[in-house]
């Protein structure tokens, strides 16, 4: 197959625009590939890191896990962005759980959405007055919880756990 070809540093703005375009076309795998090409030559490119996080979360319904997306958070320079994108990852994990047919997946969704709301609250405290993105995401999580009638995982009755077997 051969080695991957490096893109030119001058081509990064155009490549970033292509990432956005492929995300809009619902082709996160292509967008992810371009992000990785950008990060190969400019590993700390903040826009490419954020877009890679987003393209990975775009694939949660296709079996991609949150592990890599979460690992990228530490490379973001701003605390606001770390909190905001933590919330995005958790929100998308929660929404992906809604599509699964596993026992307790709705409880998983609730827990992830509540954790996302906590992250969005922390991000909101760090944001400027002209940036309400974290509030908008917090509201979206709250509406999702209400729309799907999500509830916390029930606490198991401790008495049932210690009853003798017959």
Protein backbone atom coordinates (compact mmCIF):
# COMPACT_ATOMS: atom_id res chain seq x y z
CA UNK A 1 0.00 0.00 0.00
CA UNK A 2 2.79 2.43 0.76
CA UNK A 3 3.14 5.17 3.32
CA UNK A 4 0.53 7.85 3.81
CA UNK A 5 1.22 11.11 2.02
CA UNK A 6 1.72 14.23 4.12
CA UNK A 7 -0.28 17.31 3.34
CA UNK A 8 1.35 20.74 3.06
CA UNK A 9 1.13 23.00 6.09
CA UNK A 10 -0.24 25.75 3.83
CA UNK A 11 -3.17 23.45 2.93
CA UNK A 12 -4.43 23.15 6.52
CA UNK A 13 -7.13 25.87 6.27
CA UNK A 14 -8.57 24.23 3.17
CA UNK A 15 -8.38 20.79 4.79
CA UNK A 16 -10.23 22.08 7.87
CA UNK A 17 -12.99 23.39 5.60
CA UNK A 18 -13.23 19.93 4.05
CA UNK A 19 -13.61 18.38 7.50
CA UNK A 20 -16.61 20.64 8.13
CA UNK A 21 -18.05 19.75 4.73
CA UNK A 22 -17.70 15.99 5.28
CA UNK A 23 -19.31 16.30 8.71
CA UNK A 24 -22.24 18.13 7.12
CA UNK A 25 -22.47 15.34 4.52
CA UNK A 26 -22.64 12.81 7.39
CA UNK A 27 -19.33 11.23 6.42
CA UNK A 28 -17.45 11.32 9.74
CA UNK A 29 -14.94 8.67 8.68
CA UNK A 30 -13.67 10.91 5.86
CA UNK A 31 -13.63 13.92 8.20
CA UNK A 32 -11.70 11.90 10.79
CA UNK A 33 -9.10 10.90 8.21
CA UNK A 34 -8.49 14.53 7.23
CA UNK A 35 -8.17 15.56 10.89
CA UNK A 36 -5.53 12.88 11.39
CA UNK A 37 -3.64 14.14 8.32
CA UNK A 38 -3.64 17.68 9.75
CA UNK A 39 -2.57 16.51 13.21
CA UNK A 40 0.29 14.51 11.71
CA UNK A 41 1.99 17.71 10.59
CA UNK A 42 0.60 20.07 13.25
CA UNK A 43 -0.13 17.96 16.37
CA UNK A 44 -1.36 20.86 18.53
CA UNK A 45 -3.73 22.38 15.98
CA UNK A 46 -6.64 23.21 18.27
CA UNK A 47 -9.27 23.37 15.54
CA UNK A 48 -8.23 19.97 14.15
CA UNK A 49 -8.26 18.47 17.67
CA UNK A 50 -11.77 19.76 18.30
CA UNK A 51 -12.96 18.54 14.93
CA UNK A 52 -11.42 15.12 15.56
CA UNK A 53 -13.26 14.94 18.88
CA UNK A 54 -16.49 15.82 17.06
CA UNK A 55 -15.94 13.35 14.22
CA UNK A 56 -15.31 10.59 16.74
CA UNK A 57 -18.51 11.47 18.60
CA UNK A 58 -20.36 11.49 15.27
CA UNK A 59 -19.54 7.78 15.11
CA UNK A 60 -20.85 6.72 18.54
CA UNK A 61 -23.93 5.12 16.94
CA UNK A 62 -21.61 3.06 14.74
CA UNK A 63 -19.77 1.46 17.64
CA UNK A 64 -16.96 3.96 18.19
CA UNK A 65 -16.24 4.37 21.88
CA UNK A 66 -15.59 7.62 23.72
CA UNK A 67 -12.14 6.58 24.92
CA UNK A 68 -10.09 8.30 22.20
CA UNK A 69 -12.27 11.42 22.15
CA UNK A 70 -11.83 11.77 25.92
CA UNK A 71 -8.07 11.27 25.63
CA UNK A 72 -7.84 14.25 23.25
CA UNK A 73 -9.37 16.65 25.80
CA UNK A 74 -6.07 17.02 27.65
CA UNK A 75 -4.51 18.52 24.51
CA UNK A 76 -6.95 21.42 24.42
CA UNK A 77 -5.37 24.61 25.75
CA UNK A 78 -8.42 26.41 27.18
CA UNK A 79 -10.22 25.19 30.32
CA UNK A 80 -13.54 26.32 28.86
CA UNK A 81 -13.05 24.13 25.81
CA UNK A 82 -12.00 21.15 27.93
CA UNK A 83 -15.22 21.40 29.94
CA UNK A 84 -17.43 22.19 26.95
CA UNK A 85 -16.15 19.28 24.85
CA UNK A 86 -16.30 16.96 27.86
CA UNK A 87 -19.98 17.85 27.91
CA UNK A 88 -20.33 17.24 24.17
CA UNK A 89 -18.76 13.77 24.47
CA UNK A 90 -21.01 12.84 27.40
CA UNK A 91 -24.11 14.24 25.71
CA UNK A 92 -23.44 12.26 22.56
CA UNK A 93 -22.73 9.12 24.57
CA UNK A 94 -26.10 9.60 26.23
CA UNK A 95 -27.91 10.14 22.96
CA UNK A 96 -26.20 7.11 21.43
CA UNK A 97 -27.36 5.01 24.41
CA UNK A 98 -30.95 5.96 23.57
CA UNK A 99 -30.68 4.03 20.31
CA UNK A 100 -29.44 0.83 21.95
CA UNK A 101 -31.70 -2.03 22.96
CA UNK A 102 -29.71 -3.07 26.04
CA UNK A 103 -31.19 -3.40 29.49
CA UNK A 104 -30.56 -0.20 31.44
CA UNK A 105 -29.48 1.74 28.32
CA UNK A 106 -32.02 4.45 29.17
CA UNK A 107 -30.50 4.72 32.64
CA UNK A 108 -27.05 4.94 31.03
CA UNK A 109 -28.37 7.72 28.79
CA UNK A 110 -29.73 9.60 31.82
CA UNK A 111 -26.42 9.34 33.69
CA UNK A 112 -24.35 10.52 30.72
CA UNK A 113 -26.72 13.40 30.03
CA UNK A 114 -26.64 14.50 33.69
CA UNK A 115 -22.81 14.35 33.65
CA UNK A 116 -22.86 16.38 30.43
CA UNK A 117 -25.06 18.97 32.11
CA UNK A 118 -22.54 19.21 34.96
CA UNK A 119 -19.72 19.76 32.46
CA UNK A 120 -21.77 22.40 30.63
CA UNK A 121 -22.39 24.20 33.94
CA UNK A 122 -18.64 24.27 34.61
CA UNK A 123 -18.02 25.52 31.05
CA UNK A 124 -20.66 28.20 31.44
CA UNK A 125 -18.85 29.57 34.50
CA UNK A 126 -15.72 29.93 32.33
CA UNK A 127 -17.42 31.45 29.28
CA UNK A 128 -17.81 35.06 28.28
CA UNK A 129 -21.19 36.79 28.43
CA UNK A 130 -21.53 36.66 24.63
CA UNK A 131 -21.04 32.86 24.57
CA UNK A 132 -24.10 30.89 25.64
CA UNK A 133 -23.13 27.65 23.89
CA UNK A 134 -22.86 25.74 27.18
CA UNK A 135 -26.31 26.94 28.25
CA UNK A 136 -27.78 25.89 24.91
CA UNK A 137 -26.27 22.39 25.27
CA UNK A 138 -27.42 22.16 28.92
CA UNK A 139 -30.97 22.98 27.77
CA UNK A 140 -30.77 20.38 24.99
CA UNK A 141 -29.73 17.71 27.50
CA UNK A 142 -32.56 18.67 29.83
CA UNK A 143 -35.08 18.50 26.99
CA UNK A 144 -33.77 15.08 25.91
CA UNK A 145 -34.17 13.74 29.45
CA UNK A 146 -37.76 15.04 29.57
CA UNK A 147 -38.67 13.93 26.04
CA UNK A 148 -37.53 10.34 26.63
CA UNK A 149 -38.75 10.21 30.25
CA UNK A 150 -35.27 9.25 31.43
CA UNK A 151 -34.74 8.51 35.09
CA UNK A 152 -31.83 7.62 37.34
CA UNK A 153 -30.93 3.99 37.76
CA UNK A 154 -33.06 2.56 40.59
CA UNK A 155 -31.23 1.78 43.79
CA UNK A 156 -31.42 -1.94 44.48
CA UNK A 157 -33.28 -2.96 47.60
CA UNK A 158 -30.52 -4.01 49.98
CA UNK A 159 -32.88 -6.42 51.77
CA UNK A 160 -33.39 -8.36 48.54
CA UNK A 161 -29.65 -8.70 48.08
CA UNK A 162 -29.21 -10.43 51.46
CA UNK A 163 -32.17 -12.78 51.47
CA UNK A 164 -31.25 -16.46 51.80
CA UNK A 165 -31.74 -18.63 48.75
CA UNK A 166 -34.43 -21.26 49.09
